[in-house]
């Protein structure tokens, strides 16, 4: 199946040549979750604050669906 991946905050620095306007597409197995996807993309889970399917928050263990847009948002820190 094919997914569109969007990365926000500092997470985009983890993917060389990331296009902020379009994100990027990946072909993945049918039973993949956001946790699996993050590991495949070498994005540390501790750097992810929020995951969305475009309209709803999704959990790390959610089974993803074909043609879904998955957005990963970095943790916000500061003081």
PDB file of N, CA and C in Angstrom:
ATOM      1  N   UNK A   1       0.837  -1.176   0.000  1.00  0.00           N
ATOM      2  CA  UNK A   1       0.000   0.000   0.000  1.00  0.00           C
ATOM      3  C   UNK A   1       0.878   1.234   0.000  1.00  0.00           C
ATOM      4  N   UNK A   2       0.310   2.355  -0.364  1.00  0.00           N
ATOM      5  CA  UNK A   2       1.071   3.583  -0.480  1.00  0.00           C
ATOM      6  C   UNK A   2       0.540   4.620   0.518  1.00  0.00           C
ATOM      7  N   UNK A   3       1.470   5.299   1.206  1.00  0.00           N
ATOM      8  CA  UNK A   3       1.134   6.336   2.170  1.00  0.00           C
ATOM      9  C   UNK A   3       1.847   7.622   1.799  1.00  0.00           C
ATOM     10  N   UNK A   4       1.240   8.740   2.150  1.00  0.00           N
ATOM     11  CA  UNK A   4       1.909  10.028   2.070  1.00  0.00           C
ATOM     12  C   UNK A   4       2.325  10.389   3.486  1.00  0.00           C
ATOM     13  N   UNK A   5       3.572  10.786   3.653  1.00  0.00           N
ATOM     14  CA  UNK A   5       4.121  11.115   4.957  1.00  0.00           C
ATOM     15  C   UNK A   5       4.415  12.608   5.004  1.00  0.00           C
ATOM     16  N   UNK A   6       3.962  13.234   6.087  1.00  0.00           N
ATOM     17  CA  UNK A   6       4.247  14.647   6.332  1.00  0.00           C
ATOM     18  C   UNK A   6       4.976  14.741   7.664  1.00  0.00           C
ATOM     19  N   UNK A   7       6.025  15.539   7.717  1.00  0.00           N
ATOM     20  CA  UNK A   7       6.830  15.703   8.926  1.00  0.00           C
ATOM     21  C   UNK A   7       6.847  17.168   9.338  1.00  0.00           C
ATOM     22  N   UNK A   8       6.608  17.417  10.620  1.00  0.00           N
ATOM     23  CA  UNK A   8       6.536  18.785  11.125  1.00  0.00           C
ATOM     24  C   UNK A   8       7.532  18.997  12.246  1.00  0.00           C
ATOM     25  N   UNK A   9       7.947  20.246  12.399  1.00  0.00           N
ATOM     26  CA  UNK A   9       8.937  20.571  13.419  1.00  0.00           C
ATOM     27  C   UNK A   9      10.297  20.046  13.006  1.00  0.00           C
ATOM     28  N   UNK A  10      11.043  19.591  13.971  1.00  0.00           N
ATOM     29  CA  UNK A  10      12.409  19.133  13.705  1.00  0.00           C
ATOM     30  C   UNK A  10      12.467  17.755  13.056  1.00  0.00           C
ATOM     31  N   UNK A  11      11.330  17.066  12.946  1.00  0.00           N
ATOM     32  CA  UNK A  11      11.342  15.713  12.376  1.00  0.00           C
ATOM     33  C   UNK A  11      11.763  15.694  10.910  1.00  0.00           C
ATOM     34  N   UNK A  12      11.505  16.776  10.196  1.00  0.00           N
ATOM     35  CA  UNK A  12      11.870  16.806   8.771  1.00  0.00           C
ATOM     36  C   UNK A  12      13.372  16.733   8.568  1.00  0.00           C
ATOM     37  N   UNK A  13      14.140  17.112   9.575  1.00  0.00           N
ATOM     38  CA  UNK A  13      15.600  17.047   9.431  1.00  0.00           C
ATOM     39  C   UNK A  13      16.106  15.602   9.429  1.00  0.00           C
ATOM     40  N   UNK A  14      15.251  14.647   9.801  1.00  0.00           N
ATOM     41  CA  UNK A  14      15.630  13.235   9.833  1.00  0.00           C
ATOM     42  C   UNK A  14      15.596  12.587   8.446  1.00  0.00           C
ATOM     43  N   UNK A  15      14.966  13.281   7.472  1.00  0.00           N
ATOM     44  CA  UNK A  15      14.800  12.719   6.125  1.00  0.00           C
ATOM     45  C   UNK A  15      15.497  13.633   5.110  1.00  0.00           C
ATOM     46  N   UNK A  16      16.568  13.147   4.488  1.00  0.00           N
ATOM     47  CA  UNK A  16      17.279  13.973   3.501  1.00  0.00           C
ATOM     48  C   UNK A  16      16.351  14.412   2.361  1.00  0.00           C
ATOM     49  N   UNK A  17      16.515  15.655   1.922  1.00  0.00           N
ATOM     50  CA  UNK A  17      15.763  16.213   0.789  1.00  0.00           C
ATOM     51  C   UNK A  17      14.252  16.223   1.017  1.00  0.00           C
ATOM     52  N   UNK A  18      13.815  16.341   2.268  1.00  0.00           N
ATOM     53  CA  UNK A  18      12.377  16.370   2.566  1.00  0.00           C
ATOM     54  C   UNK A  18      11.738  17.599   1.927  1.00  0.00           C
ATOM     55  N   UNK A  19      10.593  17.412   1.255  1.00  0.00           N
ATOM     56  CA  UNK A  19       9.848  18.495   0.609  1.00  0.00           C
ATOM     57  C   UNK A  19       8.725  18.928   1.558  1.00  0.00           C
ATOM     58  N   UNK A  20       8.848  20.110   2.157  1.00  0.00           N
ATOM     59  CA  UNK A  20       7.874  20.580   3.142  1.00  0.00           C
ATOM     60  C   UNK A  20       6.494  20.828   2.547  1.00  0.00           C
ATOM     61  N   UNK A  21       6.411  21.092   1.280  1.00  0.00           N
ATOM     62  CA  UNK A  21       5.115  21.359   0.655  1.00  0.00           C
ATOM     63  C   UNK A  21       4.359  20.077   0.314  1.00  0.00           C
ATOM     64  N   UNK A  22       5.072  19.043  -0.107  1.00  0.00           N
ATOM     65  CA  UNK A  22       4.423  17.824  -0.577  1.00  0.00           C
ATOM     66  C   UNK A  22       4.572  16.634   0.361  1.00  0.00           C
ATOM     67  N   UNK A  23       5.547  16.673   1.260  1.00  0.00           N
ATOM     68  CA  UNK A  23       5.859  15.477   2.033  1.00  0.00           C
ATOM     69  C   UNK A  23       6.511  14.474   1.101  1.00  0.00           C
ATOM     70  N   UNK A  24       6.266  13.192   1.332  1.00  0.00           N
ATOM     71  CA  UNK A  24       6.777  12.178   0.423  1.00  0.00           C
ATOM     72  C   UNK A  24       5.905  10.928   0.518  1.00  0.00           C
ATOM     73  N   UNK A  25       6.008  10.078  -0.493  1.00  0.00           N
ATOM     74  CA  UNK A  25       5.220   8.850  -0.534  1.00  0.00           C
ATOM     75  C   UNK A  25       6.121   7.651  -0.307  1.00  0.00           C
ATOM     76  N   UNK A  26       5.561   6.657   0.366  1.00  0.00           N
ATOM     77  CA  UNK A  26       6.286   5.414   0.600  1.00  0.00           C
ATOM     78  C   UNK A  26       5.365   4.241   0.311  1.00  0.00           C
ATOM     79  N   UNK A  27       5.948   3.162  -0.154  1.00  0.00           N
ATOM     80  CA  UNK A  27       5.238   1.895  -0.312  1.00  0.00           C
ATOM     81  C   UNK A  27       5.574   1.045   0.898  1.00  0.00           C
ATOM     82  N   UNK A  28       4.528   0.535   1.564  1.00  0.00           N
ATOM     83  CA  UNK A  28       4.710  -0.195   2.826  1.00  0.00           C
ATOM     84  C   UNK A  28       3.827  -1.440   2.849  1.00  0.00           C
ATOM     85  N   UNK A  29       4.123  -2.378   3.755  1.00  0.00           N
ATOM     86  CA  UNK A  29       3.272  -3.562   3.904  1.00  0.00           C
ATOM     87  C   UNK A  29       1.889  -3.176   4.431  1.00  0.00           C
ATOM     88  N   UNK A  30       0.910  -4.031   4.186  1.00  0.00           N
ATOM     89  CA  UNK A  30      -0.471  -3.745   4.574  1.00  0.00           C
ATOM     90  C   UNK A  30      -0.687  -3.622   6.080  1.00  0.00           C
ATOM     91  N   UNK A  31       0.103  -4.263   6.885  1.00  0.00           N
ATOM     92  CA  UNK A  31      -0.144  -4.285   8.327  1.00  0.00           C
ATOM     93  C   UNK A  31       0.723  -3.301   9.112  1.00  0.00           C
ATOM     94  N   UNK A  32       1.185  -2.242   8.475  1.00  0.00           N
ATOM     95  CA  UNK A  32       2.104  -1.299   9.134  1.00  0.00           C
ATOM     96  C   UNK A  32       1.357  -0.350  10.069  1.00  0.00           C
ATOM     97  N   UNK A  33       2.048   0.063  11.124  1.00  0.00           N
ATOM     98  CA  UNK A  33       1.522   1.026  12.085  1.00  0.00           C
ATOM     99  C   UNK A  33       2.407   2.274  12.068  1.00  0.00           C
ATOM    100  N   UNK A  34       1.964   3.374  12.665  1.00  0.00           N
ATOM    101  CA  UNK A  34       2.834   4.550  12.753  1.00  0.00           C
ATOM    102  C   UNK A  34       4.146   4.253  13.488  1.00  0.00           C
ATOM    103  N   UNK A  35       4.097   3.382  14.479  1.00  0.00           N
ATOM    104  CA  UNK A  35       5.317   3.009  15.196  1.00  0.00           C
ATOM    105  C   UNK A  35       6.309   2.322  14.261  1.00  0.00           C
ATOM    106  N   UNK A  36       5.808   1.363  13.461  1.00  0.00           N
ATOM    107  CA  UNK A  36       6.668   0.682  12.488  1.00  0.00           C
ATOM    108  C   UNK A  36       7.235   1.673  11.479  1.00  0.00           C
ATOM    109  N   UNK A  37       6.379   2.563  11.019  1.00  0.00           N
ATOM    110  CA  UNK A  37       6.771   3.547  10.017  1.00  0.00           C
ATOM    111  C   UNK A  37       7.863   4.470  10.555  1.00  0.00           C
ATOM    112  N   UNK A  38       7.703   4.944  11.782  1.00  0.00           N
ATOM    113  CA  UNK A  38       8.717   5.807  12.393  1.00  0.00           C
ATOM    114  C   UNK A  38      10.051   5.076  12.496  1.00  0.00           C
ATOM    115  N   UNK A  39       9.999   3.819  12.899  1.00  0.00           N
ATOM    116  CA  UNK A  39      11.237   3.043  13.006  1.00  0.00           C
ATOM    117  C   UNK A  39      11.890   2.866  11.640  1.00  0.00           C
ATOM    118  N   UNK A  40      11.087   2.591  10.601  1.00  0.00           N
ATOM    119  CA  UNK A  40      11.623   2.446   9.249  1.00  0.00           C
ATOM    120  C   UNK A  40      12.274   3.745   8.762  1.00  0.00           C
ATOM    121  N   UNK A  41      11.694   4.875   9.156  1.00  0.00           N
ATOM    122  CA  UNK A  41      12.210   6.179   8.747  1.00  0.00           C
ATOM    123  C   UNK A  41      13.328   6.668   9.662  1.00  0.00           C
ATOM    124  N   UNK A  42      13.656   5.868  10.672  1.00  0.00           N
ATOM    125  CA  UNK A  42      14.698   6.204  11.643  1.00  0.00           C
ATOM    126  C   UNK A  42      14.377   7.485  12.419  1.00  0.00           C
ATOM    127  N   UNK A  43      13.100   7.652  12.732  1.00  0.00           N
ATOM    128  CA  UNK A  43      12.650   8.763  13.572  1.00  0.00           C
ATOM    129  C   UNK A  43      12.455   8.204  14.979  1.00  0.00           C
ATOM    130  N   UNK A  44      13.229   8.676  15.950  1.00  0.00           N
ATOM    131  CA  UNK A  44      13.089   8.159  17.314  1.00  0.00           C
ATOM    132  C   UNK A  44      11.679   8.430  17.870  1.00  0.00           C
ATOM    133  N   UNK A  45      11.079   7.436  18.462  1.00  0.00           N
ATOM    134  CA  UNK A  45       9.734   7.584  19.016  1.00  0.00           C
ATOM    135  C   UNK A  45       9.685   8.674  20.077  1.00  0.00           C
ATOM    136  N   UNK A  46      10.795   8.880  20.763  1.00  0.00           N
ATOM    137  CA  UNK A  46      10.847   9.909  21.802  1.00  0.00           C
ATOM    138  C   UNK A  46      10.802  11.324  21.230  1.00  0.00           C
ATOM    139  N   UNK A  47      10.948  11.475  19.923  1.00  0.00           N
ATOM    140  CA  UNK A  47      10.901  12.787  19.279  1.00  0.00           C
ATOM    141  C   UNK A  47       9.511  13.097  18.731  1.00  0.00           C
ATOM    142  N   UNK A  48       8.602  12.137  18.769  1.00  0.00           N
ATOM    143  CA  UNK A  48       7.254  12.317  18.218  1.00  0.00           C
ATOM    144  C   UNK A  48       6.299  12.707  19.326  1.00  0.00           C
ATOM    145  N   UNK A  49       5.602  13.829  19.126  1.00  0.00           N
ATOM    146  CA  UNK A  49       4.640  14.288  20.121  1.00  0.00           C
ATOM    147  C   UNK A  49       3.208  13.986  19.749  1.00  0.00           C
ATOM    148  N   UNK A  50       2.913  13.887  18.441  1.00  0.00           N
ATOM    149  CA  UNK A  50       1.537  13.748  17.969  1.00  0.00           C
ATOM    150  C   UNK A  50       1.564  13.142  16.578  1.00  0.00           C
ATOM    151  N   UNK A  51       0.591  12.295  16.290  1.00  0.00           N
ATOM    152  CA  UNK A  51       0.460  11.682  14.956  1.00  0.00           C
ATOM    153  C   UNK A  51      -0.985  11.874  14.504  1.00  0.00           C
ATOM    154  N   UNK A  52      -1.152  12.238  13.251  1.00  0.00           N
ATOM    155  CA  UNK A  52      -2.488  12.504  12.710  1.00  0.00           C
ATOM    156  C   UNK A  52      -2.669  11.814  11.370  1.00  0.00           C
ATOM    157  N   UNK A  53      -3.922  11.468  11.058  1.00  0.00           N
ATOM    158  CA  UNK A  53      -4.241  10.939   9.735  1.00  0.00           C
ATOM    159  C   UNK A  53      -4.794  12.042   8.834  1.00  0.00           C
ATOM    160  N   UNK A  54      -4.627  13.273   9.248  1.00  0.00           N
ATOM    161  CA  UNK A  54      -5.116  14.409   8.478  1.00  0.00           C
ATOM    162  C   UNK A  54      -6.303  15.074   9.134  1.00  0.00           C
ATOM    163  N   UNK A  55      -7.124  14.295   9.836  1.00  0.00           N
ATOM    164  CA  UNK A  55      -8.281  14.875  10.511  1.00  0.00           C
ATOM    165  C   UNK A  55      -8.447  14.403  11.953  1.00  0.00           C
ATOM    166  N   UNK A  56      -7.730  13.356  12.323  1.00  0.00           N
ATOM    167  CA  UNK A  56      -7.836  12.791  13.670  1.00  0.00           C
ATOM    168  C   UNK A  56      -6.465  12.386  14.197  1.00  0.00           C
ATOM    169  N   UNK A  57      -6.337  12.439  15.510  1.00  0.00           N
ATOM    170  CA  UNK A  57      -5.128  11.908  16.142  1.00  0.00           C
ATOM    171  C   UNK A  57      -5.163  10.393  16.040  1.00  0.00           C
ATOM    172  N   UNK A  58      -4.006   9.791  15.810  1.00  0.00           N
ATOM    173  CA  UNK A  58      -3.923   8.330  15.785  1.00  0.00           C
ATOM    174  C   UNK A  58      -2.807   7.881  16.720  1.00  0.00           C
ATOM    175  N   UNK A  59      -2.924   6.680  17.197  1.00  0.00           N
ATOM    176  CA  UNK A  59      -1.975   6.122  18.151  1.00  0.00           C
ATOM    177  C   UNK A  59      -0.857   5.369  17.417  1.00  0.00           C
ATOM    178  N   UNK A  60       0.217   5.101  18.137  1.00  0.00           N
ATOM    179  CA  UNK A  60       1.353   4.382  17.559  1.00  0.00           C
ATOM    180  C   UNK A  60       0.975   3.009  17.011  1.00  0.00           C
ATOM    181  N   UNK A  61       0.011   2.340  17.626  1.00  0.00           N
ATOM    182  CA  UNK A  61      -0.357   0.991  17.218  1.00  0.00           C
ATOM    183  C   UNK A  61      -1.500   0.891  16.225  1.00  0.00           C
ATOM    184  N   UNK A  62      -1.973   2.020  15.716  1.00  0.00           N
ATOM    185  CA  UNK A  62      -3.081   2.030  14.758  1.00  0.00           C
ATOM    186  C   UNK A  62      -2.656   1.417  13.421  1.00  0.00           C
ATOM    187  N   UNK A  63      -3.463   0.511  12.878  1.00  0.00           N
ATOM    188  CA  UNK A  63      -3.178  -0.027  11.539  1.00  0.00           C
ATOM    189  C   UNK A  63      -3.513   1.045  10.501  1.00  0.00           C
ATOM    190  N   UNK A  64      -2.565   1.325   9.636  1.00  0.00           N
ATOM    191  CA  UNK A  64      -2.748   2.348   8.623  1.00  0.00           C
ATOM    192  C   UNK A  64      -3.430   1.765   7.389  1.00  0.00           C
ATOM    193  N   UNK A  65      -4.062   2.654   6.599  1.00  0.00           N
ATOM    194  CA  UNK A  65      -4.805   2.231   5.416  1.00  0.00           C
ATOM    195  C   UNK A  65      -4.194   2.835   4.160  1.00  0.00           C
ATOM    196  N   UNK A  66      -4.389   2.136   3.050  1.00  0.00           N
ATOM    197  CA  UNK A  66      -3.875   2.572   1.757  1.00  0.00           C
ATOM    198  C   UNK A  66      -4.323   3.996   1.446  1.00  0.00           C
ATOM    199  N   UNK A  67      -3.433   4.772   0.873  1.00  0.00           N
ATOM    200  CA  UNK A  67      -3.646   6.156   0.426  1.00  0.00           C
ATOM    201  C   UNK A  67      -3.807   7.143   1.569  1.00  0.00           C
ATOM    202  N   UNK A  68      -3.526   6.723   2.802  1.00  0.00           N
ATOM    203  CA  UNK A  68      -3.634   7.592   3.968  1.00  0.00           C
ATOM    204  C   UNK A  68      -2.478   8.589   3.985  1.00  0.00           C
ATOM    205  N   UNK A  69      -2.742   9.783   4.491  1.00  0.00           N
ATOM    206  CA  UNK A  69      -1.688  10.752   4.776  1.00  0.00           C
ATOM    207  C   UNK A  69      -1.428  10.688   6.270  1.00  0.00           C
ATOM    208  N   UNK A  70      -0.194  10.388   6.625  1.00  0.00           N
ATOM    209  CA  UNK A  70       0.199  10.281   8.029  1.00  0.00           C
ATOM    210  C   UNK A  70       1.122  11.443   8.340  1.00  0.00           C
ATOM    211  N   UNK A  71       0.730  12.250   9.329  1.00  0.00           N
ATOM    212  CA  UNK A  71       1.520  13.409   9.728  1.00  0.00           C
ATOM    213  C   UNK A  71       2.128  13.166  11.100  1.00  0.00           C
ATOM    214  N   UNK A  72       3.442  13.345  11.182  1.00  0.00           N
ATOM    215  CA  UNK A  72       4.172  13.221  12.441  1.00  0.00           C
ATOM    216  C   UNK A  72       4.569  14.629  12.892  1.00  0.00           C
ATOM    217  N   UNK A  73       4.270  14.969  14.135  1.00  0.00           N
ATOM    218  CA  UNK A  73       4.601  16.258  14.704  1.00  0.00           C
ATOM    219  C   UNK A  73       5.631  16.061  15.810  1.00  0.00           C
ATOM    220  N   UNK A  74       6.638  16.914  15.833  1.00  0.00           N
ATOM    221  CA  UNK A  74       7.674  16.786  16.856  1.00  0.00           C
ATOM    222  C   UNK A  74       7.172  17.279  18.200  1.00  0.00           C
ATOM    223  N   UNK A  75       7.854  16.831  19.251  1.00  0.00           N
ATOM    224  CA  UNK A  75       7.586  17.354  20.584  1.00  0.00           C
ATOM    225  C   UNK A  75       7.944  18.819  20.617  1.00  0.00           C
ATOM    226  N   UNK A  76       7.243  19.561  21.440  1.00  0.00           N
ATOM    227  CA  UNK A  76       7.556  20.979  21.623  1.00  0.00           C
ATOM    228  C   UNK A  76       8.236  21.110  22.965  1.00  0.00           C
ATOM    229  N   UNK A  77       9.333  21.822  22.971  1.00  0.00           N
ATOM    230  CA  UNK A  77      10.041  22.018  24.233  1.00  0.00           C
ATOM    231  C   UNK A  77      10.502  23.461  24.326  1.00  0.00           C
ATOM    232  N   UNK A  78      10.908  23.812  25.475  1.00  0.00           N
ATOM    233  CA  UNK A  78      11.390  25.171  25.695  1.00  0.00           C
ATOM    234  C   UNK A  78      11.037  25.611  27.091  1.00  0.00           C
ATOM    235  N   UNK A  79      11.207  26.834  27.335  1.00  0.00           N
ATOM    236  CA  UNK A  79      10.900  27.302  28.687  1.00  0.00           C
ATOM    237  C   UNK A  79      10.963  28.777  28.803  1.00  0.00           C
TER     238      UNK A  79
END
